[in-house]
């Protein structure tokens, strides 16, 4: 298992903790550090409930010390027919092509995973992803 640094005061990306526990651990660091921090919520669903996300976001904003947070869904695009897919796919669900570009967030921006270094690719693989059911 490769060892890598993360770029924040986060719980390790792959830690097997509930989303509520992750928030309760991470939010205490926001008042201590001076900017540049974000709490990542990696989504595991293709189409999370929009109202549920809004309500959960409002709960984070009103009831925690989290300064910035982001919900991120991984995506894949077929470079042959430009079909967009939720999640990190290796084969196009539409045409069967393996000419796929995977996209996810790294250091604040959605980018092609193919341009990431080995450590960031390992972090992507390690990330614990949450679903609407985890947003209680």
Protein backbone atom coordinates (compact mmCIF):
# COMPACT_ATOMS: atom_id res chain seq x y z
CA UNK A 1 0.00 0.00 0.00
CA UNK A 2 1.62 3.30 -1.05
CA UNK A 3 2.02 5.99 1.57
CA UNK A 4 1.06 9.52 0.59
CA UNK A 5 0.42 12.92 2.12
CA UNK A 6 -3.00 14.53 1.95
CA UNK A 7 -3.39 18.26 1.48
CA UNK A 8 -5.47 19.23 4.49
CA UNK A 9 -6.63 18.58 8.03
CA UNK A 10 -8.91 15.79 6.93
CA UNK A 11 -9.70 12.45 8.43
CA UNK A 12 -7.76 10.03 6.18
CA UNK A 13 -9.71 9.69 2.91
CA UNK A 14 -10.30 5.97 3.35
CA UNK A 15 -11.14 5.98 7.06
CA UNK A 16 -14.12 3.74 7.75
CA UNK A 17 -16.11 6.30 9.73
CA UNK A 18 -19.68 7.46 9.30
CA UNK A 19 -20.24 10.77 7.56
CA UNK A 20 -21.58 12.30 10.78
CA UNK A 21 -18.45 11.17 12.66
CA UNK A 22 -16.21 12.52 9.88
CA UNK A 23 -17.91 15.92 10.14
CA UNK A 24 -17.70 15.93 13.95
CA UNK A 25 -13.97 15.20 13.80
CA UNK A 26 -13.03 17.57 10.97
CA UNK A 27 -15.12 20.61 11.89
CA UNK A 28 -13.09 21.37 15.03
CA UNK A 29 -10.03 22.21 12.88
CA UNK A 30 -11.67 24.96 10.83
CA UNK A 31 -11.47 27.69 13.52
CA UNK A 32 -7.83 26.78 14.22
CA UNK A 33 -6.45 27.03 10.68
CA UNK A 34 -6.48 30.22 8.67
CA UNK A 35 -8.08 29.44 5.32
CA UNK A 36 -7.44 26.90 2.65
CA UNK A 37 -9.42 24.09 4.23
CA UNK A 38 -12.31 22.20 2.75
CA UNK A 39 -14.28 19.21 3.94
CA UNK A 40 -14.78 16.78 1.08
CA UNK A 41 -17.89 14.65 0.96
CA UNK A 42 -17.28 12.02 -1.71
CA UNK A 43 -20.58 10.84 -3.14
CA UNK A 44 -21.11 7.22 -4.08
CA UNK A 45 -24.48 7.60 -5.80
CA UNK A 46 -25.16 8.39 -9.42
CA UNK A 47 -28.08 10.68 -8.64
CA UNK A 48 -28.33 11.70 -4.98
CA UNK A 49 -31.56 13.28 -3.78
CA UNK A 50 -31.30 17.03 -4.44
CA UNK A 51 -33.54 18.09 -1.53
CA UNK A 52 -31.67 15.76 0.81
CA UNK A 53 -28.35 17.28 -0.26
CA UNK A 54 -29.69 20.81 0.26
CA UNK A 55 -31.05 19.97 3.72
CA UNK A 56 -27.82 18.26 4.70
CA UNK A 57 -25.74 21.20 3.42
CA UNK A 58 -27.86 23.62 5.44
CA UNK A 59 -27.38 21.45 8.53
CA UNK A 60 -23.59 21.52 8.07
CA UNK A 61 -23.61 25.30 7.50
CA UNK A 62 -25.84 26.09 10.49
CA UNK A 63 -24.63 23.55 13.06
CA UNK A 64 -20.89 23.03 12.54
CA UNK A 65 -17.71 25.07 12.33
CA UNK A 66 -16.97 23.81 8.80
CA UNK A 67 -15.92 26.80 6.72
CA UNK A 68 -16.03 25.20 3.27
CA UNK A 69 -17.36 21.87 2.08
CA UNK A 70 -17.98 20.21 -1.24
CA UNK A 71 -20.05 17.30 -2.45
CA UNK A 72 -18.20 15.47 -5.22
CA UNK A 73 -19.45 12.80 -7.60
CA UNK A 74 -16.93 10.92 -9.70
CA UNK A 75 -17.74 10.83 -13.41
CA UNK A 76 -16.53 9.13 -16.56
CA UNK A 77 -16.89 10.21 -20.18
CA UNK A 78 -16.54 8.02 -23.24
CA UNK A 79 -14.12 9.73 -25.60
CA UNK A 80 -15.70 7.96 -28.60
CA UNK A 81 -19.39 8.88 -28.22
CA UNK A 82 -19.05 11.45 -25.36
CA UNK A 83 -21.53 9.56 -23.19
CA UNK A 84 -21.35 10.77 -19.55
CA UNK A 85 -21.54 8.20 -16.76
CA UNK A 86 -21.74 8.50 -12.99
CA UNK A 87 -18.86 6.87 -11.16
CA UNK A 88 -15.45 5.69 -12.27
CA UNK A 89 -16.06 3.41 -15.24
CA UNK A 90 -13.62 1.52 -17.46
CA UNK A 91 -16.06 0.73 -20.28
CA UNK A 92 -18.76 2.90 -21.88
CA UNK A 93 -22.27 1.80 -20.89
CA UNK A 94 -23.52 3.13 -24.22
CA UNK A 95 -21.13 1.83 -26.90
CA UNK A 96 -18.79 -0.58 -25.08
CA UNK A 97 -15.63 1.43 -25.80
CA UNK A 98 -12.76 1.38 -23.31
CA UNK A 99 -11.61 4.84 -24.46
CA UNK A 100 -12.77 6.39 -21.17
CA UNK A 101 -11.67 9.51 -19.30
CA UNK A 102 -12.39 9.40 -15.56
CA UNK A 103 -13.01 12.71 -13.77
CA UNK A 104 -12.93 13.61 -10.09
CA UNK A 105 -11.96 16.41 -7.73
CA UNK A 106 -8.35 16.97 -6.79
CA UNK A 107 -7.27 19.99 -4.75
CA UNK A 108 -10.51 21.81 -5.38
CA UNK A 109 -10.97 21.21 -9.11
CA UNK A 110 -12.64 18.55 -11.24
CA UNK A 111 -9.88 17.13 -13.42
CA UNK A 112 -9.07 14.13 -15.60
CA UNK A 113 -7.68 11.38 -13.39
CA UNK A 114 -5.21 10.42 -16.13
CA UNK A 115 -3.17 13.55 -15.30
CA UNK A 116 -2.88 12.79 -11.59
CA UNK A 117 0.28 11.55 -9.92
CA UNK A 118 0.43 8.07 -8.36
CA UNK A 119 -0.27 9.32 -4.83
CA UNK A 120 -3.46 11.16 -5.86
CA UNK A 121 -4.62 8.11 -7.83
CA UNK A 122 -4.14 5.99 -4.70
CA UNK A 123 -6.11 8.53 -2.67
CA UNK A 124 -8.91 8.36 -5.26
CA UNK A 125 -9.03 4.59 -4.86
CA UNK A 126 -8.99 4.87 -1.05
CA UNK A 127 -11.76 7.47 -0.71
CA UNK A 128 -14.74 6.46 1.38
CA UNK A 129 -17.86 7.41 -0.54
CA UNK A 130 -21.18 8.25 1.06
CA UNK A 131 -24.79 7.92 -0.08
CA UNK A 132 -27.97 9.83 0.76
CA UNK A 133 -28.70 7.31 3.52
CA UNK A 134 -25.50 8.44 5.29
CA UNK A 135 -26.75 12.04 5.49
CA UNK A 136 -28.78 11.80 8.66
